[in-house]
Amino acid sequence: MELNGASFNMSFKSPLATTTNWGVVRVGDGITVVDGIISTGGTPTASLNYGFFADTTTQTNPVPDTANLITINTTETNDQVTVLGSQITVTNTGTYAQVFTLSFEKVSPGTPTTASIWLRKNGVDVPNSSQSIDVPNQLSLLFVTGNYTLDLLAGDNIELVWSSPDIDVQLSFLPAAVAPVRPSTPSVKVSLIRIS
């Protein structure tokens, strides 16, 4: 092929891969292909970082209408996301999706009440992150799940916070049981996954 008096060779194979169809993949910077295996070079900071955490204690509400930081004492698995006490910290900048499940229990009957859950980022309440649940007046166990998506910088941390006007509401850990044999139920389960 000749262009403006200069000649060069160029070729490509077809069909090229798209987001919807299989095809040939063009090798870009930092990527190598050996015998059909595509590899990336350098450190895996572009991978999807993650952390899956739980707490195996019961967390009480000793003072009504007070913000209680949710603590976490178990790391199930993680990569570039760590936890210490109530703070989940990320190593890499990115957009993260958080999913949580809390095991609320009302340990004494009485009047109906509520419990609220919200998110803090670097110690500051995140706007529009609160959700509230109704807790019935009898002994009850409620599993509450929620999620957030947020942008975090390297070194940022997030915390879950909860409160209730009723001191008989708590986050309960349930031990392993039998008939059938089954594992324990954490009071808190949290995952934080980098999605971009």
N, C-alpha and C. Protein backbone atom coordinates (compact mmCIF):
# COMPACT_ATOMS: atom_id res chain seq x y z
N MET A 1 0.85 -1.17 0.00
CA MET A 1 0.00 0.00 0.00
C MET A 1 0.89 1.22 0.00
N GLU A 2 0.45 2.27 -0.69
CA GLU A 2 1.25 3.47 -0.78
C GLU A 2 0.40 4.66 -0.40
N LEU A 3 0.99 5.55 0.40
CA LEU A 3 0.28 6.74 0.83
C LEU A 3 1.26 7.90 0.84
N ASN A 4 0.97 8.95 0.07
CA ASN A 4 1.84 10.12 -0.03
C ASN A 4 3.28 9.72 -0.35
N GLY A 5 3.43 8.78 -1.24
CA GLY A 5 4.76 8.38 -1.67
C GLY A 5 5.45 7.40 -0.77
N ALA A 6 4.91 7.10 0.41
CA ALA A 6 5.53 6.14 1.33
C ALA A 6 4.75 4.84 1.24
N SER A 7 5.48 3.75 1.22
CA SER A 7 4.80 2.46 1.17
C SER A 7 4.94 1.76 2.51
N PHE A 8 3.93 1.00 2.89
CA PHE A 8 3.95 0.24 4.13
C PHE A 8 2.98 -0.91 4.01
N ASN A 9 3.19 -1.88 4.88
CA ASN A 9 2.31 -3.05 4.89
C ASN A 9 1.37 -2.95 6.07
N MET A 10 0.15 -3.33 5.88
CA MET A 10 -0.78 -3.42 7.00
C MET A 10 -1.73 -4.57 6.72
N SER A 11 -2.12 -5.20 7.80
CA SER A 11 -3.06 -6.30 7.63
C SER A 11 -3.88 -6.44 8.90
N PHE A 12 -5.03 -7.03 8.77
CA PHE A 12 -5.85 -7.37 9.92
C PHE A 12 -6.67 -8.58 9.58
N LYS A 13 -7.14 -9.21 10.61
CA LYS A 13 -7.96 -10.40 10.39
C LYS A 13 -9.39 -10.06 10.75
N SER A 14 -10.26 -10.80 10.17
CA SER A 14 -11.67 -10.52 10.37
C SER A 14 -12.36 -11.79 10.83
N PRO A 15 -13.40 -11.75 11.57
CA PRO A 15 -14.05 -10.53 12.05
C PRO A 15 -13.42 -10.04 13.36
N LEU A 16 -13.38 -8.74 13.58
CA LEU A 16 -12.88 -8.19 14.83
C LEU A 16 -13.92 -8.41 15.93
N ALA A 17 -13.44 -8.64 17.16
CA ALA A 17 -14.36 -8.85 18.27
C ALA A 17 -15.09 -7.56 18.60
N THR A 18 -16.35 -7.69 19.00
CA THR A 18 -17.13 -6.55 19.48
C THR A 18 -17.70 -6.92 20.85
N THR A 19 -18.44 -6.00 21.42
CA THR A 19 -19.03 -6.29 22.73
C THR A 19 -20.12 -7.34 22.64
N THR A 20 -20.61 -7.61 21.43
CA THR A 20 -21.69 -8.57 21.29
C THR A 20 -21.33 -9.81 20.49
N ASN A 21 -20.18 -9.81 19.79
CA ASN A 21 -19.80 -10.94 18.94
C ASN A 21 -18.37 -11.38 19.21
N TRP A 22 -18.14 -12.70 19.12
CA TRP A 22 -16.79 -13.23 19.19
C TRP A 22 -16.03 -12.80 17.94
N GLY A 23 -14.72 -12.69 18.06
CA GLY A 23 -13.92 -12.35 16.91
C GLY A 23 -12.46 -12.24 17.29
N VAL A 24 -11.68 -11.64 16.40
CA VAL A 24 -10.25 -11.46 16.62
C VAL A 24 -10.04 -10.30 17.59
N VAL A 25 -9.10 -10.44 18.52
CA VAL A 25 -8.80 -9.40 19.49
C VAL A 25 -7.50 -8.72 19.11
N ARG A 26 -7.48 -7.40 19.08
CA ARG A 26 -6.27 -6.64 18.80
C ARG A 26 -5.49 -6.50 20.08
N VAL A 27 -4.19 -6.80 20.06
CA VAL A 27 -3.34 -6.72 21.25
C VAL A 27 -2.92 -5.28 21.45
N GLY A 28 -3.17 -4.73 22.63
CA GLY A 28 -2.82 -3.34 22.94
C GLY A 28 -1.62 -3.26 23.85
N ASP A 29 -1.34 -2.06 24.33
CA ASP A 29 -0.19 -1.83 25.21
C ASP A 29 -0.33 -2.62 26.50
N GLY A 30 0.78 -3.19 26.96
CA GLY A 30 0.79 -3.92 28.22
C GLY A 30 0.16 -5.30 28.15
N ILE A 31 -0.20 -5.75 26.95
CA ILE A 31 -0.82 -7.06 26.78
C ILE A 31 0.05 -7.89 25.84
N THR A 32 0.26 -9.15 26.19
CA THR A 32 1.01 -10.06 25.32
C THR A 32 0.16 -11.28 25.02
N VAL A 33 0.45 -11.89 23.87
CA VAL A 33 -0.25 -13.11 23.49
C VAL A 33 0.80 -14.15 23.13
N VAL A 34 0.78 -15.29 23.83
CA VAL A 34 1.69 -16.39 23.54
C VAL A 34 0.84 -17.65 23.40
N ASP A 35 0.93 -18.27 22.25
CA ASP A 35 0.15 -19.49 21.98
C ASP A 35 -1.32 -19.32 22.31
N GLY A 36 -1.88 -18.15 21.96
CA GLY A 36 -3.31 -17.92 22.15
C GLY A 36 -3.73 -17.50 23.54
N ILE A 37 -2.77 -17.37 24.49
CA ILE A 37 -3.10 -16.96 25.86
C ILE A 37 -2.78 -15.48 26.00
N ILE A 38 -3.79 -14.68 26.40
CA ILE A 38 -3.62 -13.24 26.58
C ILE A 38 -3.22 -12.98 28.02
N SER A 39 -2.14 -12.19 28.20
CA SER A 39 -1.64 -11.86 29.54
C SER A 39 -1.44 -10.35 29.64
N THR A 40 -1.64 -9.82 30.86
CA THR A 40 -1.35 -8.41 31.11
C THR A 40 -0.07 -8.31 31.90
N GLY A 41 0.64 -7.24 31.73
CA GLY A 41 1.88 -7.04 32.47
C GLY A 41 1.67 -6.11 33.65
N GLY A 42 2.70 -6.00 34.47
CA GLY A 42 2.66 -5.08 35.61
C GLY A 42 1.85 -5.60 36.77
N THR A 43 1.56 -4.70 37.70
CA THR A 43 0.81 -5.07 38.90
C THR A 43 -0.68 -5.09 38.59
N PRO A 44 -1.46 -5.92 39.30
CA PRO A 44 -2.86 -6.09 38.96
C PRO A 44 -3.78 -5.05 39.58
N THR A 45 -3.36 -3.76 39.58
CA THR A 45 -4.20 -2.74 40.19
C THR A 45 -5.49 -2.51 39.42
N ALA A 46 -5.53 -2.93 38.16
CA ALA A 46 -6.75 -2.75 37.38
C ALA A 46 -7.76 -3.86 37.63
N SER A 47 -7.37 -4.87 38.40
CA SER A 47 -8.30 -5.96 38.67
C SER A 47 -9.42 -5.48 39.57
N LEU A 48 -10.46 -6.29 39.66
CA LEU A 48 -11.57 -5.93 40.52
C LEU A 48 -11.20 -6.26 41.96
N ASN A 49 -10.88 -5.25 42.73
CA ASN A 49 -10.54 -5.43 44.14
C ASN A 49 -11.82 -5.72 44.91
N TYR A 50 -11.70 -6.47 46.02
CA TYR A 50 -12.89 -6.89 46.74
C TYR A 50 -12.56 -7.19 48.20
N GLY A 51 -13.59 -7.20 49.01
CA GLY A 51 -13.50 -7.66 50.38
C GLY A 51 -14.85 -8.21 50.81
N PHE A 52 -14.83 -9.39 51.45
CA PHE A 52 -16.04 -10.00 52.01
C PHE A 52 -15.79 -10.17 53.51
N PHE A 53 -16.63 -9.54 54.32
CA PHE A 53 -16.38 -9.45 55.76
C PHE A 53 -17.64 -9.84 56.54
N ALA A 54 -17.43 -10.22 57.80
CA ALA A 54 -18.55 -10.58 58.67
C ALA A 54 -18.21 -10.24 60.10
N ASP A 55 -19.25 -10.22 60.95
CA ASP A 55 -19.03 -10.05 62.38
C ASP A 55 -19.73 -11.16 63.13
N THR A 56 -19.00 -11.77 64.07
CA THR A 56 -19.50 -12.93 64.81
C THR A 56 -19.77 -12.57 66.27
N THR A 57 -20.22 -11.34 66.51
CA THR A 57 -20.63 -10.92 67.85
C THR A 57 -22.03 -10.32 67.76
N THR A 58 -22.68 -10.17 68.90
CA THR A 58 -23.94 -9.45 68.98
C THR A 58 -23.64 -8.00 69.32
N GLN A 59 -24.22 -7.08 68.55
CA GLN A 59 -23.96 -5.65 68.75
C GLN A 59 -25.23 -5.00 69.29
N THR A 60 -25.13 -4.46 70.50
CA THR A 60 -26.30 -3.95 71.20
C THR A 60 -26.48 -2.45 70.96
N ASN A 61 -27.59 -1.96 71.48
CA ASN A 61 -27.98 -0.55 71.37
C ASN A 61 -28.15 0.01 72.78
N PRO A 62 -27.04 0.25 73.51
CA PRO A 62 -27.16 0.61 74.92
C PRO A 62 -27.81 1.96 75.20
N VAL A 63 -27.73 2.89 74.25
CA VAL A 63 -28.31 4.23 74.44
C VAL A 63 -29.27 4.49 73.28
N PRO A 64 -30.54 4.80 73.57
CA PRO A 64 -31.50 5.03 72.49
C PRO A 64 -31.09 6.21 71.60
N ASP A 65 -31.46 6.13 70.34
CA ASP A 65 -31.24 7.22 69.38
C ASP A 65 -29.80 7.70 69.32
N THR A 66 -28.86 6.75 69.42
CA THR A 66 -27.44 7.07 69.32
C THR A 66 -26.86 6.35 68.12
N ALA A 67 -25.93 7.00 67.42
CA ALA A 67 -25.27 6.39 66.27
C ALA A 67 -24.33 5.28 66.75
N ASN A 68 -24.56 4.06 66.28
CA ASN A 68 -23.72 2.91 66.62
C ASN A 68 -22.91 2.52 65.38
N LEU A 69 -21.59 2.57 65.47
CA LEU A 69 -20.75 2.11 64.38
C LEU A 69 -20.80 0.58 64.34
N ILE A 70 -21.01 0.02 63.16
CA ILE A 70 -21.08 -1.43 63.00
C ILE A 70 -19.65 -1.96 62.88
N THR A 71 -19.27 -2.83 63.80
CA THR A 71 -17.92 -3.38 63.78
C THR A 71 -17.90 -4.71 63.05
N ILE A 72 -16.72 -5.05 62.55
CA ILE A 72 -16.53 -6.25 61.75
C ILE A 72 -15.27 -6.95 62.25
N ASN A 73 -15.37 -8.24 62.58
CA ASN A 73 -14.21 -8.93 63.16
C ASN A 73 -13.67 -10.09 62.32
N THR A 74 -14.24 -10.31 61.14
CA THR A 74 -13.82 -11.46 60.34
C THR A 74 -13.64 -11.05 58.88
N THR A 75 -12.48 -11.40 58.32
CA THR A 75 -12.26 -11.24 56.88
C THR A 75 -12.41 -12.61 56.24
N GLU A 76 -13.42 -12.75 55.40
CA GLU A 76 -13.63 -14.02 54.71
C GLU A 76 -12.64 -14.18 53.56
N THR A 77 -12.55 -13.17 52.71
CA THR A 77 -11.58 -13.12 51.63
C THR A 77 -11.46 -11.68 51.16
N ASN A 78 -10.28 -11.30 50.66
CA ASN A 78 -10.11 -9.91 50.23
C ASN A 78 -8.92 -9.76 49.29
N ASP A 79 -8.94 -8.67 48.54
CA ASP A 79 -7.85 -8.27 47.68
C ASP A 79 -7.88 -6.75 47.58
N GLN A 80 -6.94 -6.09 48.20
CA GLN A 80 -6.80 -4.63 48.17
C GLN A 80 -7.95 -3.90 48.86
N VAL A 81 -8.74 -4.60 49.68
CA VAL A 81 -9.78 -4.00 50.51
C VAL A 81 -9.62 -4.62 51.89
N THR A 82 -9.48 -3.79 52.93
CA THR A 82 -9.21 -4.30 54.27
C THR A 82 -10.22 -3.72 55.27
N VAL A 83 -10.28 -4.36 56.43
CA VAL A 83 -11.17 -3.87 57.48
C VAL A 83 -10.41 -3.82 58.79
N LEU A 84 -10.70 -2.79 59.57
CA LEU A 84 -10.16 -2.65 60.93
C LEU A 84 -11.25 -2.02 61.78
N GLY A 85 -11.78 -2.80 62.74
CA GLY A 85 -12.86 -2.29 63.58
C GLY A 85 -14.12 -2.08 62.76
N SER A 86 -14.49 -0.82 62.57
CA SER A 86 -15.68 -0.49 61.79
C SER A 86 -15.34 0.02 60.39
N GLN A 87 -14.05 0.29 60.14
CA GLN A 87 -13.65 0.94 58.89
C GLN A 87 -13.20 -0.07 57.83
N ILE A 88 -13.83 0.03 56.66
CA ILE A 88 -13.41 -0.74 55.49
C ILE A 88 -12.65 0.22 54.58
N THR A 89 -11.39 -0.10 54.30
CA THR A 89 -10.50 0.81 53.58
C THR A 89 -10.09 0.20 52.25
N VAL A 90 -10.05 1.06 51.21
CA VAL A 90 -9.65 0.60 49.88
C VAL A 90 -8.24 1.06 49.57
N THR A 91 -7.50 0.23 48.85
CA THR A 91 -6.13 0.55 48.44
C THR A 91 -6.12 1.33 47.13
N ASN A 92 -7.08 1.06 46.25
CA ASN A 92 -7.07 1.64 44.91
C ASN A 92 -8.29 2.51 44.67
N THR A 93 -8.07 3.59 43.92
CA THR A 93 -9.15 4.48 43.51
C THR A 93 -10.08 3.74 42.54
N GLY A 94 -11.38 3.98 42.67
CA GLY A 94 -12.33 3.37 41.75
C GLY A 94 -13.76 3.55 42.21
N THR A 95 -14.67 2.97 41.45
CA THR A 95 -16.08 2.92 41.83
C THR A 95 -16.34 1.56 42.47
N TYR A 96 -16.96 1.57 43.62
CA TYR A 96 -17.17 0.35 44.40
C TYR A 96 -18.65 0.15 44.66
N ALA A 97 -19.06 -1.12 44.68
CA ALA A 97 -20.41 -1.51 45.06
C ALA A 97 -20.34 -2.21 46.41
N GLN A 98 -21.15 -1.74 47.34
CA GLN A 98 -21.20 -2.35 48.66
C GLN A 98 -22.57 -3.00 48.85
N VAL A 99 -22.57 -4.22 49.38
CA VAL A 99 -23.81 -4.93 49.72
C VAL A 99 -23.68 -5.39 51.17
N PHE A 100 -24.74 -5.22 51.95
CA PHE A 100 -24.68 -5.66 53.35
C PHE A 100 -25.95 -6.39 53.74
N THR A 101 -25.82 -7.26 54.74
CA THR A 101 -26.96 -7.90 55.38
C THR A 101 -26.77 -7.78 56.88
N LEU A 102 -27.78 -7.28 57.57
CA LEU A 102 -27.75 -7.12 59.02
C LEU A 102 -28.85 -7.97 59.65
N SER A 103 -28.53 -8.63 60.77
CA SER A 103 -29.50 -9.48 61.47
C SER A 103 -30.05 -8.73 62.68
N PHE A 104 -31.11 -7.97 62.46
CA PHE A 104 -31.74 -7.23 63.56
C PHE A 104 -32.61 -8.17 64.39
N GLU A 105 -32.57 -7.98 65.70
CA GLU A 105 -33.43 -8.76 66.59
C GLU A 105 -34.01 -7.85 67.66
N LYS A 106 -35.30 -8.03 67.94
CA LYS A 106 -35.93 -7.37 69.08
C LYS A 106 -36.01 -8.41 70.18
N VAL A 107 -35.31 -8.17 71.27
CA VAL A 107 -35.13 -9.21 72.28
C VAL A 107 -36.15 -9.13 73.41
N SER A 108 -37.02 -8.12 73.39
CA SER A 108 -38.06 -8.02 74.41
C SER A 108 -39.30 -7.41 73.77
N PRO A 109 -40.49 -7.97 74.04
CA PRO A 109 -41.69 -7.41 73.44
C PRO A 109 -41.97 -6.01 74.00
N GLY A 110 -42.74 -5.27 73.27
CA GLY A 110 -43.08 -3.90 73.68
C GLY A 110 -43.85 -3.22 72.58
N THR A 111 -43.56 -1.97 72.36
CA THR A 111 -44.25 -1.24 71.30
C THR A 111 -43.45 -1.33 70.00
N PRO A 112 -44.12 -1.18 68.86
CA PRO A 112 -43.38 -1.17 67.59
C PRO A 112 -42.35 -0.04 67.59
N THR A 113 -41.29 -0.23 66.86
CA THR A 113 -40.22 0.77 66.81
C THR A 113 -39.59 0.77 65.42
N THR A 114 -38.50 1.45 65.27
CA THR A 114 -37.80 1.51 63.99
C THR A 114 -36.30 1.31 64.23
N ALA A 115 -35.59 1.06 63.16
CA ALA A 115 -34.12 1.06 63.17
C ALA A 115 -33.68 1.72 61.87
N SER A 116 -32.61 2.49 61.94
CA SER A 116 -32.08 3.18 60.77
C SER A 116 -30.65 2.74 60.51
N ILE A 117 -30.29 2.69 59.22
CA ILE A 117 -28.95 2.28 58.79
C ILE A 117 -28.48 3.34 57.79
N TRP A 118 -27.21 3.75 57.89
CA TRP A 118 -26.68 4.67 56.90
C TRP A 118 -25.18 4.46 56.74
N LEU A 119 -24.61 5.19 55.80
CA LEU A 119 -23.21 5.02 55.41
C LEU A 119 -22.41 6.27 55.76
N ARG A 120 -21.17 6.05 56.21
CA ARG A 120 -20.21 7.13 56.40
C ARG A 120 -19.00 6.89 55.51
N LYS A 121 -18.49 7.97 54.95
CA LYS A 121 -17.28 7.93 54.14
C LYS A 121 -16.27 8.86 54.78
N ASN A 122 -15.12 8.30 55.18
CA ASN A 122 -14.08 9.06 55.88
C ASN A 122 -14.64 9.83 57.07
N GLY A 123 -15.57 9.19 57.81
CA GLY A 123 -16.12 9.77 59.03
C GLY A 123 -17.26 10.75 58.83
N VAL A 124 -17.69 10.97 57.59
CA VAL A 124 -18.77 11.92 57.29
C VAL A 124 -19.96 11.16 56.73
N ASP A 125 -21.16 11.44 57.26
CA ASP A 125 -22.37 10.78 56.77
C ASP A 125 -22.55 11.05 55.28
N VAL A 126 -22.87 9.99 54.53
CA VAL A 126 -23.09 10.11 53.09
C VAL A 126 -24.53 10.56 52.85
N PRO A 127 -24.73 11.69 52.14
CA PRO A 127 -26.10 12.17 51.89
C PRO A 127 -26.95 11.10 51.20
N ASN A 128 -28.22 11.05 51.56
CA ASN A 128 -29.21 10.17 50.94
C ASN A 128 -28.89 8.68 51.10
N SER A 129 -28.11 8.32 52.12
CA SER A 129 -27.75 6.90 52.28
C SER A 129 -28.55 6.19 53.37
N SER A 130 -29.44 6.90 54.06
CA SER A 130 -30.16 6.29 55.17
C SER A 130 -31.36 5.47 54.69
N GLN A 131 -31.56 4.34 55.36
CA GLN A 131 -32.79 3.58 55.16
C GLN A 131 -33.29 3.14 56.53
N SER A 132 -34.60 3.12 56.69
CA SER A 132 -35.20 2.76 57.97
C SER A 132 -36.11 1.55 57.79
N ILE A 133 -36.22 0.76 58.86
CA ILE A 133 -37.10 -0.40 58.84
C ILE A 133 -38.02 -0.34 60.06
N ASP A 134 -39.18 -0.93 59.90
CA ASP A 134 -40.12 -1.06 61.01
C ASP A 134 -39.81 -2.34 61.77
N VAL A 135 -39.74 -2.25 63.08
CA VAL A 135 -39.50 -3.41 63.94
C VAL A 135 -40.80 -3.66 64.71
N PRO A 136 -41.42 -4.84 64.59
CA PRO A 136 -42.71 -5.08 65.24
C PRO A 136 -42.59 -5.11 66.76
N ASN A 137 -43.74 -5.18 67.42
CA ASN A 137 -43.76 -5.07 68.88
C ASN A 137 -43.44 -6.38 69.59
N GLN A 138 -43.40 -7.50 68.89
CA GLN A 138 -43.09 -8.77 69.53
C GLN A 138 -41.63 -9.17 69.28
N LEU A 139 -41.21 -10.24 69.94
CA LEU A 139 -39.88 -10.77 69.67
C LEU A 139 -39.77 -11.07 68.18
N SER A 140 -38.71 -10.63 67.55
CA SER A 140 -38.62 -10.80 66.11
C SER A 140 -37.17 -10.79 65.66
N LEU A 141 -36.93 -11.43 64.53
CA LEU A 141 -35.61 -11.44 63.90
C LEU A 141 -35.81 -11.00 62.46
N LEU A 142 -35.13 -9.92 62.06
CA LEU A 142 -35.29 -9.35 60.74
C LEU A 142 -33.94 -9.30 60.04
N PHE A 143 -33.90 -9.79 58.82
CA PHE A 143 -32.69 -9.71 58.02
C PHE A 143 -32.87 -8.56 57.03
N VAL A 144 -32.00 -7.58 57.12
CA VAL A 144 -32.10 -6.38 56.29
C VAL A 144 -30.91 -6.34 55.35
N THR A 145 -31.19 -6.18 54.07
CA THR A 145 -30.14 -6.09 53.06
C THR A 145 -30.24 -4.75 52.36
N GLY A 146 -29.09 -4.19 52.03
CA GLY A 146 -29.05 -2.93 51.30
C GLY A 146 -27.78 -2.85 50.48
N ASN A 147 -27.71 -1.83 49.65
CA ASN A 147 -26.51 -1.66 48.83
C ASN A 147 -26.28 -0.20 48.52
N TYR A 148 -25.04 0.12 48.25
CA TYR A 148 -24.62 1.46 47.85
C TYR A 148 -23.59 1.31 46.74
N THR A 149 -23.51 2.30 45.86
CA THR A 149 -22.43 2.40 44.89
C THR A 149 -21.80 3.77 45.08
N LEU A 150 -20.48 3.81 45.22
CA LEU A 150 -19.83 5.08 45.49
C LEU A 150 -18.42 5.11 44.95
N ASP A 151 -17.95 6.31 44.65
CA ASP A 151 -16.58 6.52 44.19
C ASP A 151 -15.68 6.71 45.39
N LEU A 152 -14.56 5.98 45.42
CA LEU A 152 -13.61 6.07 46.51
C LEU A 152 -12.22 6.32 45.97
N LEU A 153 -11.45 7.13 46.69
CA LEU A 153 -10.05 7.35 46.36
C LEU A 153 -9.20 6.38 47.16
N ALA A 154 -7.98 6.13 46.70
CA ALA A 154 -7.06 5.26 47.44
C ALA A 154 -6.92 5.77 48.87
N GLY A 155 -7.12 4.89 49.85
CA GLY A 155 -7.02 5.26 51.26
C GLY A 155 -8.33 5.67 51.89
N ASP A 156 -9.39 5.86 51.11
CA ASP A 156 -10.70 6.19 51.68
C ASP A 156 -11.24 5.01 52.48
N ASN A 157 -12.07 5.32 53.48
CA ASN A 157 -12.74 4.26 54.23
C ASN A 157 -14.22 4.55 54.33
N ILE A 158 -14.99 3.48 54.50
CA ILE A 158 -16.42 3.60 54.71
C ILE A 158 -16.80 2.84 55.97
N GLU A 159 -17.92 3.25 56.56
CA GLU A 159 -18.45 2.60 57.75
C GLU A 159 -19.97 2.52 57.63
N LEU A 160 -20.55 1.47 58.18
CA LEU A 160 -22.00 1.37 58.33
C LEU A 160 -22.35 1.80 59.74
N VAL A 161 -23.46 2.53 59.86
CA VAL A 161 -23.91 3.06 61.15
C VAL A 161 -25.38 2.68 61.31
N TRP A 162 -25.79 2.43 62.56
CA TRP A 162 -27.21 2.15 62.80
C TRP A 162 -27.65 2.78 64.11
N SER A 163 -28.96 2.95 64.25
CA SER A 163 -29.52 3.46 65.50
C SER A 163 -30.97 2.99 65.63
N SER A 164 -31.47 3.05 66.86
CA SER A 164 -32.86 2.74 67.14
C SER A 164 -33.26 3.45 68.43
N PRO A 165 -34.50 3.89 68.55
CA PRO A 165 -34.95 4.47 69.81
C PRO A 165 -35.20 3.42 70.90
N ASP A 166 -35.13 2.14 70.55
CA ASP A 166 -35.45 1.04 71.47
C ASP A 166 -34.17 0.28 71.82
N ILE A 167 -33.83 0.23 73.11
CA ILE A 167 -32.60 -0.46 73.54
C ILE A 167 -32.73 -1.98 73.43
N ASP A 168 -33.94 -2.49 73.17
CA ASP A 168 -34.14 -3.93 73.02
C ASP A 168 -33.89 -4.39 71.58
N VAL A 169 -33.49 -3.49 70.70
CA VAL A 169 -33.14 -3.85 69.33
C VAL A 169 -31.62 -4.02 69.26
N GLN A 170 -31.17 -5.08 68.61
CA GLN A 170 -29.74 -5.33 68.50
C GLN A 170 -29.44 -6.04 67.19
N LEU A 171 -28.15 -6.10 66.85
CA LEU A 171 -27.68 -6.91 65.73
C LEU A 171 -27.22 -8.23 66.33
N SER A 172 -27.89 -9.33 66.01
CA SER A 172 -27.67 -10.59 66.71
C SER A 172 -26.85 -11.58 65.89
N PHE A 173 -25.88 -12.19 66.57
CA PHE A 173 -25.13 -13.32 66.03
C PHE A 173 -25.85 -14.59 66.46
N LEU A 174 -26.08 -15.51 65.50
CA LEU A 174 -26.74 -16.78 65.81
C LEU A 174 -25.72 -17.90 65.65
N PRO A 175 -25.49 -18.69 66.70
CA PRO A 175 -24.48 -19.76 66.62
C PRO A 175 -24.92 -20.89 65.68
N ALA A 176 -23.97 -21.74 65.36
CA ALA A 176 -24.26 -22.92 64.55
C ALA A 176 -25.36 -23.74 65.22
N ALA A 177 -26.14 -24.43 64.41
CA ALA A 177 -27.29 -25.15 64.95
C ALA A 177 -27.30 -26.58 64.40
N VAL A 178 -28.24 -27.39 64.95
CA VAL A 178 -28.39 -28.78 64.52
C VAL A 178 -29.82 -29.01 64.06
N ALA A 179 -30.03 -30.18 63.44
CA ALA A 179 -31.35 -30.63 62.96
C ALA A 179 -31.95 -29.66 61.95
N PRO A 180 -31.35 -29.47 60.81
CA PRO A 180 -30.09 -30.08 60.37
C PRO A 180 -28.88 -29.27 60.85
N VAL A 181 -27.72 -29.89 60.79
CA VAL A 181 -26.49 -29.19 61.12
C VAL A 181 -26.30 -28.07 60.11
N ARG A 182 -26.06 -26.86 60.61
CA ARG A 182 -25.88 -25.71 59.73
C ARG A 182 -24.96 -24.70 60.39
N PRO A 183 -24.32 -23.86 59.59
CA PRO A 183 -23.34 -22.92 60.13
C PRO A 183 -23.99 -21.77 60.88
N SER A 184 -23.15 -20.99 61.53
CA SER A 184 -23.62 -19.83 62.28
C SER A 184 -24.09 -18.73 61.32
N THR A 185 -24.83 -17.77 61.89
CA THR A 185 -25.31 -16.62 61.13
C THR A 185 -24.66 -15.37 61.69
N PRO A 186 -23.79 -14.72 60.94
CA PRO A 186 -23.16 -13.49 61.44
C PRO A 186 -24.21 -12.40 61.71
N SER A 187 -23.89 -11.50 62.62
CA SER A 187 -24.76 -10.36 62.85
C SER A 187 -24.66 -9.37 61.71
N VAL A 188 -23.51 -9.37 61.03
CA VAL A 188 -23.25 -8.44 59.94
C VAL A 188 -22.50 -9.18 58.84
N LYS A 189 -22.92 -8.98 57.59
CA LYS A 189 -22.15 -9.45 56.43
C LYS A 189 -22.03 -8.26 55.47
N VAL A 190 -20.81 -8.00 55.01
CA VAL A 190 -20.58 -6.86 54.13
C VAL A 190 -19.64 -7.28 53.01
N SER A 191 -19.96 -6.90 51.79
CA SER A 191 -19.03 -7.05 50.68
C SER A 191 -18.81 -5.70 50.04
N LEU A 192 -17.58 -5.46 49.61
CA LEU A 192 -17.24 -4.23 48.89
C LEU A 192 -16.42 -4.65 47.69
N ILE A 193 -16.92 -4.37 46.48
CA ILE A 193 -16.30 -4.85 45.25
C ILE A 193 -16.07 -3.66 44.32
N ARG A 194 -14.84 -3.57 43.82
CA ARG A 194 -14.53 -2.52 42.85
C ARG A 194 -15.10 -2.93 41.50
N ILE A 195 -15.94 -2.06 40.94
CA ILE A 195 -16.59 -2.39 39.68
C ILE A 195 -16.02 -1.60 38.51
N SER A 196 -15.22 -0.57 38.77
CA SER A 196 -14.51 0.12 37.69
C SER A 196 -13.39 0.98 38.26
